[in-house]
PDB file of all heavy atoms in Angstrom:
ATOM      1  N   ILE A   1      14.651  -1.927   2.127  1.00  0.00           N
ATOM      2  CA  ILE A   1      14.289  -2.884   1.083  1.00  0.00           C
ATOM      3  C   ILE A   1      13.059  -3.566   1.583  1.00  0.00           C
ATOM      4  O   ILE A   1      13.052  -4.755   1.968  1.00  0.00           O
ATOM      5  CB  ILE A   1      15.266  -3.823   0.666  1.00  0.00           C
ATOM      6  CG1 ILE A   1      16.533  -3.033   0.181  1.00  0.00           C
ATOM      7  CG2 ILE A   1      14.909  -4.588  -0.567  1.00  0.00           C
ATOM      8  CD1 ILE A   1      17.699  -3.774  -0.054  1.00  0.00           C
ATOM      9  N   SER A   2      11.900  -2.939   1.471  1.00  0.00           N
ATOM     10  CA  SER A   2      10.461  -3.496   1.865  1.00  0.00           C
ATOM     11  C   SER A   2      10.366  -3.813   3.245  1.00  0.00           C
ATOM     12  O   SER A   2       9.115  -4.569   3.451  1.00  0.00           O
ATOM     13  CB  SER A   2      10.176  -4.722   0.837  1.00  0.00           C
ATOM     14  OG  SER A   2      10.822  -5.925   1.342  1.00  0.00           O
ATOM     15  N   GLY A   3      11.169  -3.601   4.199  1.00  0.00           N
ATOM     16  CA  GLY A   3      10.879  -4.193   5.483  1.00  0.00           C
ATOM     17  C   GLY A   3      10.440  -3.116   6.498  1.00  0.00           C
ATOM     18  O   GLY A   3      10.321  -3.358   7.711  1.00  0.00           O
ATOM     19  N   THR A   4      10.076  -1.916   5.972  1.00  0.00           N
ATOM     20  CA  THR A   4       9.369  -0.954   6.837  1.00  0.00           C
ATOM     21  C   THR A   4       7.873  -1.226   6.894  1.00  0.00           C
ATOM     22  O   THR A   4       7.099  -0.639   6.030  1.00  0.00           O
ATOM     23  CB  THR A   4       9.692   0.517   6.399  1.00  0.00           C
ATOM     24  OG1 THR A   4      11.110   0.722   6.455  1.00  0.00           O
ATOM     25  CG2 THR A   4       9.042   1.534   7.440  1.00  0.00           C
ATOM     26  N   ASN A   5       7.476  -2.195   7.702  1.00  0.00           N
ATOM     27  CA  ASN A   5       5.965  -2.593   7.845  1.00  0.00           C
ATOM     28  C   ASN A   5       5.201  -1.454   8.663  1.00  0.00           C
ATOM     29  O   ASN A   5       5.773  -0.831   9.500  1.00  0.00           O
ATOM     30  CB  ASN A   5       5.792  -3.898   8.327  1.00  0.00           C
ATOM     31  CG  ASN A   5       6.574  -4.179   9.650  1.00  0.00           C
ATOM     32  OD1 ASN A   5       6.000  -3.784  10.649  1.00  0.00           O
ATOM     33  ND2 ASN A   5       7.845  -4.785   9.683  1.00  0.00           N
ATOM     34  N   ARG A   6       3.831  -1.472   8.453  1.00  0.00           N
ATOM     35  CA  ARG A   6       3.117  -0.510   9.241  1.00  0.00           C
ATOM     36  C   ARG A   6       3.077  -0.662  10.682  1.00  0.00           C
ATOM     37  O   ARG A   6       3.197   0.309  11.469  1.00  0.00           O
ATOM     38  CB  ARG A   6       1.618  -0.621   8.733  1.00  0.00           C
ATOM     39  CG  ARG A   6       0.566   0.437   9.368  1.00  0.00           C
ATOM     40  CD  ARG A   6       1.085   1.719   8.910  1.00  0.00           C
ATOM     41  NE  ARG A   6       0.294   2.801   9.575  1.00  0.00           N
ATOM     42  CZ  ARG A   6       0.672   4.044   9.472  1.00  0.00           C
ATOM     43  NH1 ARG A   6       1.584   4.521   8.668  1.00  0.00           N
ATOM     44  NH2 ARG A   6      -0.104   5.080  10.243  1.00  0.00           N
ATOM     45  N   PRO A   7       2.999  -1.813  11.281  1.00  0.00           N
ATOM     46  CA  PRO A   7       3.185  -1.948  12.766  1.00  0.00           C
ATOM     47  C   PRO A   7       4.528  -1.421  13.233  1.00  0.00           C
ATOM     48  O   PRO A   7       4.553  -0.882  14.395  1.00  0.00           O
ATOM     49  CB  PRO A   7       3.070  -3.462  12.963  1.00  0.00           C
ATOM     50  CG  PRO A   7       2.258  -4.022  11.844  1.00  0.00           C
ATOM     51  CD  PRO A   7       2.753  -3.173  10.663  1.00  0.00           C
ATOM     52  N   LEU A   8       5.620  -1.445  12.431  1.00  0.00           N
ATOM     53  CA  LEU A   8       6.841  -1.035  12.900  1.00  0.00           C
ATOM     54  C   LEU A   8       6.770   0.503  13.068  1.00  0.00           C
ATOM     55  O   LEU A   8       7.337   1.173  13.867  1.00  0.00           O
ATOM     56  CB  LEU A   8       7.924  -1.468  11.980  1.00  0.00           C
ATOM     57  CG  LEU A   8       9.425  -0.868  12.207  1.00  0.00           C
ATOM     58  CD1 LEU A   8       9.684  -1.147  13.747  1.00  0.00           C
ATOM     59  CD2 LEU A   8      10.457  -1.737  11.285  1.00  0.00           C
ATOM     60  N   VAL A   9       6.227   1.222  11.920  1.00  0.00           N
ATOM     61  CA  VAL A   9       6.058   2.556  11.925  1.00  0.00           C
ATOM     62  C   VAL A   9       5.251   3.005  13.088  1.00  0.00           C
ATOM     63  O   VAL A   9       5.586   4.026  13.917  1.00  0.00           O
ATOM     64  CB  VAL A   9       5.326   3.069  10.626  1.00  0.00           C
ATOM     65  CG1 VAL A   9       5.042   4.558  10.751  1.00  0.00           C
ATOM     66  CG2 VAL A   9       6.297   2.808   9.431  1.00  0.00           C
ATOM     67  N   GLU A  10       4.089   2.359  13.561  1.00  0.00           N
ATOM     68  CA  GLU A  10       3.356   2.723  14.591  1.00  0.00           C
ATOM     69  C   GLU A  10       4.118   2.462  15.993  1.00  0.00           C
ATOM     70  O   GLU A  10       3.921   3.229  16.937  1.00  0.00           O
ATOM     71  CB  GLU A  10       1.988   1.813  14.565  1.00  0.00           C
ATOM     72  CG  GLU A  10       1.080   2.174  13.420  1.00  0.00           C
ATOM     73  CD  GLU A  10      -0.074   1.351  13.244  1.00  0.00           C
ATOM     74  OE1 GLU A  10      -0.051   0.165  13.916  1.00  0.00           O
ATOM     75  OE2 GLU A  10      -1.067   1.621  12.647  1.00  0.00           O
ATOM     76  N   LEU A  11       4.966   1.371  16.007  1.00  0.00           N
ATOM     77  CA  LEU A  11       5.684   1.147  17.146  1.00  0.00           C
ATOM     78  C   LEU A  11       6.637   2.267  17.421  1.00  0.00           C
ATOM     79  O   LEU A  11       6.874   2.800  18.701  1.00  0.00           O
ATOM     80  CB  LEU A  11       6.526  -0.149  17.043  1.00  0.00           C
ATOM     81  CG  LEU A  11       7.517  -0.473  18.109  1.00  0.00           C
ATOM     82  CD1 LEU A  11       6.859  -0.596  19.504  1.00  0.00           C
ATOM     83  CD2 LEU A  11       8.288  -1.878  17.722  1.00  0.00           C
ATOM     84  N   GLU A  12       7.310   2.818  16.382  1.00  0.00           N
ATOM     85  CA  GLU A  12       8.263   3.873  16.563  1.00  0.00           C
ATOM     86  C   GLU A  12       7.639   5.203  17.046  1.00  0.00           C
ATOM     87  O   GLU A  12       7.978   6.011  17.894  1.00  0.00           O
ATOM     88  CB  GLU A  12       9.062   4.197  15.308  1.00  0.00           C
ATOM     89  CG  GLU A  12      10.097   3.038  15.023  1.00  0.00           C
ATOM     90  CD  GLU A  12      10.888   3.196  13.788  1.00  0.00           C
ATOM     91  OE1 GLU A  12      10.381   3.781  12.811  1.00  0.00           O
ATOM     92  OE2 GLU A  12      12.047   2.629  13.676  1.00  0.00           O
ATOM     93  N   ARG A  13       6.323   5.373  16.576  1.00  0.00           N
ATOM     94  CA  ARG A  13       5.635   6.604  17.001  1.00  0.00           C
ATOM     95  C   ARG A  13       5.163   6.403  18.499  1.00  0.00           C
ATOM     96  O   ARG A  13       5.196   7.382  19.153  1.00  0.00           O
ATOM     97  CB  ARG A  13       4.353   6.661  16.120  1.00  0.00           C
ATOM     98  CG  ARG A  13       4.605   7.179  14.773  1.00  0.00           C
ATOM     99  CD  ARG A  13       3.370   7.179  13.865  1.00  0.00           C
ATOM    100  NE  ARG A  13       3.665   7.591  12.503  1.00  0.00           N
ATOM    101  CZ  ARG A  13       2.839   7.678  11.393  1.00  0.00           C
ATOM    102  NH1 ARG A  13       1.633   7.175  11.660  1.00  0.00           N
ATOM    103  NH2 ARG A  13       3.186   8.055  10.243  1.00  0.00           N
ATOM    104  N   SER A  14       4.781   5.243  18.909  1.00  0.00           N
ATOM    105  CA  SER A  14       4.492   4.913  20.272  1.00  0.00           C
ATOM    106  C   SER A  14       5.648   5.137  21.218  1.00  0.00           C
ATOM    107  O   SER A  14       5.510   5.670  22.212  1.00  0.00           O
ATOM    108  CB  SER A  14       3.924   3.495  20.423  1.00  0.00           C
ATOM    109  OG  SER A  14       3.515   3.214  21.652  1.00  0.00           O
ATOM    110  N   LEU A  15       6.819   4.821  20.731  1.00  0.00           N
ATOM    111  CA  LEU A  15       8.046   5.010  21.512  1.00  0.00           C
ATOM    112  C   LEU A  15       8.329   6.380  21.674  1.00  0.00           C
ATOM    113  O   LEU A  15       8.701   6.854  22.797  1.00  0.00           O
ATOM    114  CB  LEU A  15       9.199   4.106  20.946  1.00  0.00           C
ATOM    115  CG  LEU A  15       9.041   2.657  21.130  1.00  0.00           C
ATOM    116  CD1 LEU A  15      10.042   1.965  20.171  1.00  0.00           C
ATOM    117  CD2 LEU A  15       9.360   2.199  22.593  1.00  0.00           C
ATOM    118  N   ALA A  16       8.271   7.170  20.603  1.00  0.00           N
ATOM    119  CA  ALA A  16       8.535   8.517  20.661  1.00  0.00           C
ATOM    120  C   ALA A  16       7.619   9.265  21.620  1.00  0.00           C
ATOM    121  O   ALA A  16       7.976  10.097  22.454  1.00  0.00           O
ATOM    122  CB  ALA A  16       8.427   9.223  19.246  1.00  0.00           C
ATOM    123  N   ASP A  17       6.372   8.908  21.630  1.00  0.00           N
ATOM    124  CA  ASP A  17       5.314   9.464  22.452  1.00  0.00           C
ATOM    125  C   ASP A  17       5.655   9.129  23.988  1.00  0.00           C
ATOM    126  O   ASP A  17       5.526   9.895  24.877  1.00  0.00           O
ATOM    127  CB  ASP A  17       3.877   9.009  22.154  1.00  0.00           C
ATOM    128  CG  ASP A  17       2.959   9.422  23.284  1.00  0.00           C
ATOM    129  OD1 ASP A  17       2.504  10.537  23.153  1.00  0.00           O
ATOM    130  OD2 ASP A  17       2.476   8.565  24.026  1.00  0.00           O
ATOM    131  N   LEU A  18       6.132   7.824  24.200  1.00  0.00           N
ATOM    132  CA  LEU A  18       6.401   7.334  25.561  1.00  0.00           C
ATOM    133  C   LEU A  18       7.487   8.223  26.145  1.00  0.00           C
ATOM    134  O   LEU A  18       7.383   8.639  27.301  1.00  0.00           O
ATOM    135  CB  LEU A  18       6.928   5.956  25.423  1.00  0.00           C
ATOM    136  CG  LEU A  18       7.459   5.316  26.781  1.00  0.00           C
ATOM    137  CD1 LEU A  18       6.290   5.193  27.800  1.00  0.00           C
ATOM    138  CD2 LEU A  18       8.137   3.949  26.458  1.00  0.00           C
ATOM    139  N   HIS A  19       8.404   8.635  25.436  1.00  0.00           N
ATOM    140  CA  HIS A  19       9.570   9.508  25.984  1.00  0.00           C
ATOM    141  C   HIS A  19       9.416  10.908  25.643  1.00  0.00           C
ATOM    142  O   HIS A  19      10.388  11.652  25.867  1.00  0.00           O
ATOM    143  CB  HIS A  19      10.918   8.861  25.379  1.00  0.00           C
ATOM    144  CG  HIS A  19      11.174   7.507  25.881  1.00  0.00           C
ATOM    145  ND1 HIS A  19      11.467   7.193  27.200  1.00  0.00           N
ATOM    146  CD2 HIS A  19      11.266   6.300  25.253  1.00  0.00           C
ATOM    147  CE1 HIS A  19      11.586   5.958  27.398  1.00  0.00           C
ATOM    148  NE2 HIS A  19      11.530   5.235  26.205  1.00  0.00           N
ATOM    149  N   ARG A  20       8.395  11.304  24.972  1.00  0.00           N
ATOM    150  CA  ARG A  20       8.175  12.860  24.721  1.00  0.00           C
ATOM    151  C   ARG A  20       9.210  13.340  23.779  1.00  0.00           C
ATOM    152  O   ARG A  20       9.672  14.465  24.079  1.00  0.00           O
ATOM    153  CB  ARG A  20       8.030  13.576  25.993  1.00  0.00           C
ATOM    154  CG  ARG A  20       6.940  13.172  26.940  1.00  0.00           C
ATOM    155  CD  ARG A  20       5.585  13.181  26.374  1.00  0.00           C
ATOM    156  NE  ARG A  20       4.512  12.902  27.523  1.00  0.00           N
ATOM    157  CZ  ARG A  20       3.347  12.490  27.159  1.00  0.00           C
ATOM    158  NH1 ARG A  20       2.923  12.413  26.093  1.00  0.00           N
ATOM    159  NH2 ARG A  20       2.426  12.346  28.177  1.00  0.00           N
ATOM    160  N   LYS A  21       9.623  12.490  22.794  1.00  0.00           N
ATOM    161  CA  LYS A  21      10.667  12.895  21.867  1.00  0.00           C
ATOM    162  C   LYS A  21      10.059  12.969  20.563  1.00  0.00           C
ATOM    163  O   LYS A  21       8.926  12.588  20.265  1.00  0.00           O
ATOM    164  CB  LYS A  21      11.906  11.965  21.937  1.00  0.00           C
ATOM    165  CG  LYS A  21      12.564  11.698  23.214  1.00  0.00           C
ATOM    166  CD  LYS A  21      13.251  12.904  23.667  1.00  0.00           C
ATOM    167  CE  LYS A  21      14.132  12.725  24.927  1.00  0.00           C
ATOM    168  NZ  LYS A  21      14.648  14.118  25.332  1.00  0.00           N
ATOM    169  N   GLU A  22      10.821  13.775  19.636  1.00  0.00           N
ATOM    170  CA  GLU A  22      10.248  13.857  18.304  1.00  0.00           C
ATOM    171  C   GLU A  22      10.229  12.675  17.499  1.00  0.00           C
ATOM    172  O   GLU A  22       9.431  12.500  16.544  1.00  0.00           O
ATOM    173  CB  GLU A  22      11.143  15.072  17.533  1.00  0.00           C
ATOM    174  CG  GLU A  22      11.158  16.355  18.103  1.00  0.00           C
ATOM    175  CD  GLU A  22      11.997  17.347  17.416  1.00  0.00           C
ATOM    176  OE1 GLU A  22      12.877  16.949  16.565  1.00  0.00           O
ATOM    177  OE2 GLU A  22      11.945  18.563  17.639  1.00  0.00           O
ATOM    178  N   ALA A  23      11.126  11.723  17.636  1.00  0.00           N
ATOM    179  CA  ALA A  23      11.270  10.510  16.802  1.00  0.00           C
ATOM    180  C   ALA A  23      11.911   9.302  17.658  1.00  0.00           C
ATOM    181  O   ALA A  23      12.432   9.513  18.707  1.00  0.00           O
ATOM    182  CB  ALA A  23      11.994  10.757  15.621  1.00  0.00           C
ATOM    183  N   ALA A  24      11.638   8.174  17.122  1.00  0.00           N
ATOM    184  CA  ALA A  24      12.341   6.922  17.752  1.00  0.00           C
ATOM    185  C   ALA A  24      12.727   6.105  16.624  1.00  0.00           C
ATOM    186  O   ALA A  24      12.256   6.083  15.427  1.00  0.00           O
ATOM    187  CB  ALA A  24      11.355   6.222  18.633  1.00  0.00           C
ATOM    188  N   LEU A  25      13.653   5.221  16.874  1.00  0.00           N
ATOM    189  CA  LEU A  25      14.210   4.268  15.917  1.00  0.00           C
ATOM    190  C   LEU A  25      14.340   2.915  16.496  1.00  0.00           C
ATOM    191  O   LEU A  25      14.992   2.780  17.587  1.00  0.00           O
ATOM    192  CB  LEU A  25      15.565   4.843  15.424  1.00  0.00           C
ATOM    193  CG  LEU A  25      16.059   4.123  13.972  1.00  0.00           C
ATOM    194  CD1 LEU A  25      15.089   4.461  12.862  1.00  0.00           C
ATOM    195  CD2 LEU A  25      17.550   4.549  13.797  1.00  0.00           C
ATOM    196  N   VAL A  26      13.668   1.910  16.006  1.00  0.00           N
ATOM    197  CA  VAL A  26      13.757   0.490  16.359  1.00  0.00           C
ATOM    198  C   VAL A  26      14.919  -0.291  15.788  1.00  0.00           C
ATOM    199  O   VAL A  26      15.111  -0.303  14.671  1.00  0.00           O
ATOM    200  CB  VAL A  26      12.413  -0.241  16.219  1.00  0.00           C
ATOM    201  CG1 VAL A  26      12.486  -1.694  16.637  1.00  0.00           C
ATOM    202  CG2 VAL A  26      11.394   0.591  17.211  1.00  0.00           C
ATOM    203  N   PHE A  27      15.523  -1.086  16.609  1.00  0.00           N
ATOM    204  CA  PHE A  27      16.552  -2.027  16.328  1.00  0.00           C
ATOM    205  C   PHE A  27      16.220  -3.409  16.711  1.00  0.00           C
ATOM    206  O   PHE A  27      15.226  -3.609  17.400  1.00  0.00           O
ATOM    207  CB  PHE A  27      17.903  -1.700  16.843  1.00  0.00           C
ATOM    208  CG  PHE A  27      18.403  -0.305  16.655  1.00  0.00           C
ATOM    209  CD1 PHE A  27      17.967   0.843  17.192  1.00  0.00           C
ATOM    210  CD2 PHE A  27      19.414  -0.121  15.599  1.00  0.00           C
ATOM    211  CE1 PHE A  27      18.454   2.026  16.906  1.00  0.00           C
ATOM    212  CE2 PHE A  27      19.910   1.123  15.364  1.00  0.00           C
ATOM    213  CZ  PHE A  27      19.504   2.193  15.975  1.00  0.00           C
ATOM    214  N   THR A  28      17.069  -4.443  16.301  1.00  0.00           N
ATOM    215  CA  THR A  28      16.732  -5.777  16.477  1.00  0.00           C
ATOM    216  C   THR A  28      16.917  -6.166  17.975  1.00  0.00           C
ATOM    217  O   THR A  28      16.373  -7.221  18.482  1.00  0.00           O
ATOM    218  CB  THR A  28      17.600  -6.679  15.572  1.00  0.00           C
ATOM    219  OG1 THR A  28      18.902  -6.305  15.711  1.00  0.00           O
ATOM    220  CG2 THR A  28      17.017  -6.548  14.182  1.00  0.00           C
ATOM    221  N   SER A  29      17.808  -5.500  18.661  1.00  0.00           N
ATOM    222  CA  SER A  29      17.982  -5.858  20.120  1.00  0.00           C
ATOM    223  C   SER A  29      18.500  -4.479  20.882  1.00  0.00           C
ATOM    224  O   SER A  29      18.886  -3.483  20.185  1.00  0.00           O
ATOM    225  CB  SER A  29      18.985  -6.868  20.384  1.00  0.00           C
ATOM    226  OG  SER A  29      20.319  -6.532  20.119  1.00  0.00           O
ATOM    227  N   GLY A  30      18.440  -4.516  22.085  1.00  0.00           N
ATOM    228  CA  GLY A  30      19.005  -3.477  22.971  1.00  0.00           C
ATOM    229  C   GLY A  30      20.512  -3.466  22.696  1.00  0.00           C
ATOM    230  O   GLY A  30      21.111  -2.307  22.847  1.00  0.00           O
ATOM    231  N   PHE A  31      21.289  -4.502  22.634  1.00  0.00           N
ATOM    232  CA  PHE A  31      22.580  -4.533  22.429  1.00  0.00           C
ATOM    233  C   PHE A  31      22.968  -3.774  21.080  1.00  0.00           C
ATOM    234  O   PHE A  31      23.800  -2.916  21.074  1.00  0.00           O
ATOM    235  CB  PHE A  31      23.234  -5.944  22.323  1.00  0.00           C
ATOM    236  CG  PHE A  31      24.784  -6.010  22.422  1.00  0.00           C
ATOM    237  CD1 PHE A  31      25.217  -6.435  23.577  1.00  0.00           C
ATOM    238  CD2 PHE A  31      25.485  -5.673  21.345  1.00  0.00           C
ATOM    239  CE1 PHE A  31      26.603  -6.551  23.623  1.00  0.00           C
ATOM    240  CE2 PHE A  31      26.790  -5.713  21.530  1.00  0.00           C
ATOM    241  CZ  PHE A  31      27.455  -6.221  22.600  1.00  0.00           C
ATOM    242  N   VAL A  32      22.213  -4.049  20.102  1.00  0.00           N
ATOM    243  CA  VAL A  32      22.466  -3.437  18.713  1.00  0.00           C
ATOM    244  C   VAL A  32      22.175  -1.966  18.798  1.00  0.00           C
ATOM    245  O   VAL A  32      22.894  -1.192  18.226  1.00  0.00           O
ATOM    246  CB  VAL A  32      21.674  -4.163  17.711  1.00  0.00           C
ATOM    247  CG1 VAL A  32      21.750  -3.380  16.332  1.00  0.00           C
ATOM    248  CG2 VAL A  32      22.166  -5.676  17.487  1.00  0.00           C
ATOM    249  N   SER A  33      21.069  -1.637  19.476  1.00  0.00           N
ATOM    250  CA  SER A  33      20.610  -0.229  19.475  1.00  0.00           C
ATOM    251  C   SER A  33      21.866   0.717  20.251  1.00  0.00           C
ATOM    252  O   SER A  33      22.120   1.748  19.729  1.00  0.00           O
ATOM    253  CB  SER A  33      19.374  -0.058  20.163  1.00  0.00           C
ATOM    254  OG  SER A  33      19.345  -0.450  21.480  1.00  0.00           O
ATOM    255  N   ASN A  34      22.275   0.082  21.318  1.00  0.00           N
ATOM    256  CA  ASN A  34      23.384   0.765  22.067  1.00  0.00           C
ATOM    257  C   ASN A  34      24.669   0.947  21.074  1.00  0.00           C
ATOM    258  O   ASN A  34      25.273   1.931  20.944  1.00  0.00           O
ATOM    259  CB  ASN A  34      23.719   0.061  23.445  1.00  0.00           C
ATOM    260  CG  ASN A  34      23.060   0.810  24.472  1.00  0.00           C
ATOM    261  OD1 ASN A  34      22.651   1.981  24.449  1.00  0.00           O
ATOM    262  ND2 ASN A  34      22.814  -0.028  25.453  1.00  0.00           N
ATOM    263  N   GLU A  35      25.131  -0.262  20.647  1.00  0.00           N
ATOM    264  CA  GLU A  35      26.308  -0.242  19.741  1.00  0.00           C
ATOM    265  C   GLU A  35      26.160   0.635  18.652  1.00  0.00           C
ATOM    266  O   GLU A  35      27.074   1.421  18.371  1.00  0.00           O
ATOM    267  CB  GLU A  35      26.524  -1.765  19.360  1.00  0.00           C
ATOM    268  CG  GLU A  35      27.802  -1.878  18.457  1.00  0.00           C
ATOM    269  CD  GLU A  35      28.021  -3.306  17.971  1.00  0.00           C
ATOM    270  OE1 GLU A  35      27.001  -3.988  17.609  1.00  0.00           O
ATOM    271  OE2 GLU A  35      29.182  -3.820  18.088  1.00  0.00           O
ATOM    272  N   ALA A  36      25.103   0.600  17.899  1.00  0.00           N
ATOM    273  CA  ALA A  36      24.883   1.283  16.699  1.00  0.00           C
ATOM    274  C   ALA A  36      24.790   2.890  16.951  1.00  0.00           C
ATOM    275  O   ALA A  36      25.431   3.741  16.294  1.00  0.00           O
ATOM    276  CB  ALA A  36      23.685   0.864  15.948  1.00  0.00           C
ATOM    277  N   ALA A  37      23.989   3.121  17.987  1.00  0.00           N
ATOM    278  CA  ALA A  37      23.629   4.610  18.212  1.00  0.00           C
ATOM    279  C   ALA A  37      24.839   5.384  18.811  1.00  0.00           C
ATOM    280  O   ALA A  37      25.238   6.457  18.394  1.00  0.00           O
ATOM    281  CB  ALA A  37      22.564   4.819  19.280  1.00  0.00           C
ATOM    282  N   ILE A  38      25.518   4.830  19.897  1.00  0.00           N
ATOM    283  CA  ILE A  38      26.708   5.434  20.469  1.00  0.00           C
ATOM    284  C   ILE A  38      27.762   5.535  19.354  1.00  0.00           C
ATOM    285  O   ILE A  38      28.410   6.612  19.250  1.00  0.00           O
ATOM    286  CB  ILE A  38      27.194   4.628  21.644  1.00  0.00           C
ATOM    287  CG1 ILE A  38      26.061   4.726  22.765  1.00  0.00           C
ATOM    288  CG2 ILE A  38      28.445   5.206  22.147  1.00  0.00           C
ATOM    289  CD1 ILE A  38      26.424   3.853  23.974  1.00  0.00           C
ATOM    290  N   SER A  39      28.084   4.523  18.704  1.00  0.00           N
ATOM    291  CA  SER A  39      29.337   4.561  17.702  1.00  0.00           C
ATOM    292  C   SER A  39      28.927   5.542  16.711  1.00  0.00           C
ATOM    293  O   SER A  39      29.805   6.460  16.305  1.00  0.00           O
ATOM    294  CB  SER A  39      29.592   3.106  17.140  1.00  0.00           C
ATOM    295  OG  SER A  39      28.471   2.714  16.458  1.00  0.00           O
ATOM    296  N   THR A  40      27.764   5.647  16.131  1.00  0.00           N
ATOM    297  CA  THR A  40      27.371   6.492  15.104  1.00  0.00           C
ATOM    298  C   THR A  40      27.341   7.921  15.497  1.00  0.00           C
ATOM    299  O   THR A  40      27.854   8.842  14.795  1.00  0.00           O
ATOM    300  CB  THR A  40      26.031   6.053  14.420  1.00  0.00           C
ATOM    301  OG1 THR A  40      26.053   4.673  13.996  1.00  0.00           O
ATOM    302  CG2 THR A  40      25.683   6.988  13.340  1.00  0.00           C
ATOM    303  N   ILE A  41      26.705   8.171  16.654  1.00  0.00           N
ATOM    304  CA  ILE A  41      26.601   9.526  17.161  1.00  0.00           C
ATOM    305  C   ILE A  41      28.040  10.230  17.432  1.00  0.00           C
ATOM    306  O   ILE A  41      28.286  11.218  17.041  1.00  0.00           O
ATOM    307  CB  ILE A  41      25.772   9.638  18.351  1.00  0.00           C
ATOM    308  CG1 ILE A  41      24.263   9.389  17.987  1.00  0.00           C
ATOM    309  CG2 ILE A  41      25.906  10.989  19.099  1.00  0.00           C
ATOM    310  CD1 ILE A  41      23.436   9.119  19.242  1.00  0.00           C
ATOM    311  N   ALA A  42      28.832   9.230  18.045  1.00  0.00           N
ATOM    312  CA  ALA A  42      30.188   9.739  18.292  1.00  0.00           C
ATOM    313  C   ALA A  42      31.038  10.032  17.136  1.00  0.00           C
ATOM    314  O   ALA A  42      31.816  11.065  17.106  1.00  0.00           O
ATOM    315  CB  ALA A  42      30.900   8.682  19.176  1.00  0.00           C
TER     316      ALA A  42
END
């Protein structure tokens, strides 16, 4: 809902390039990214 701003899109591209991966996804904190990603993937 309107929160995908251009600097955020560019940040995710920069992170994907950093790790040589196809894509990246940004969260509000490292705690949230671990909790969300592990639980969802599993």
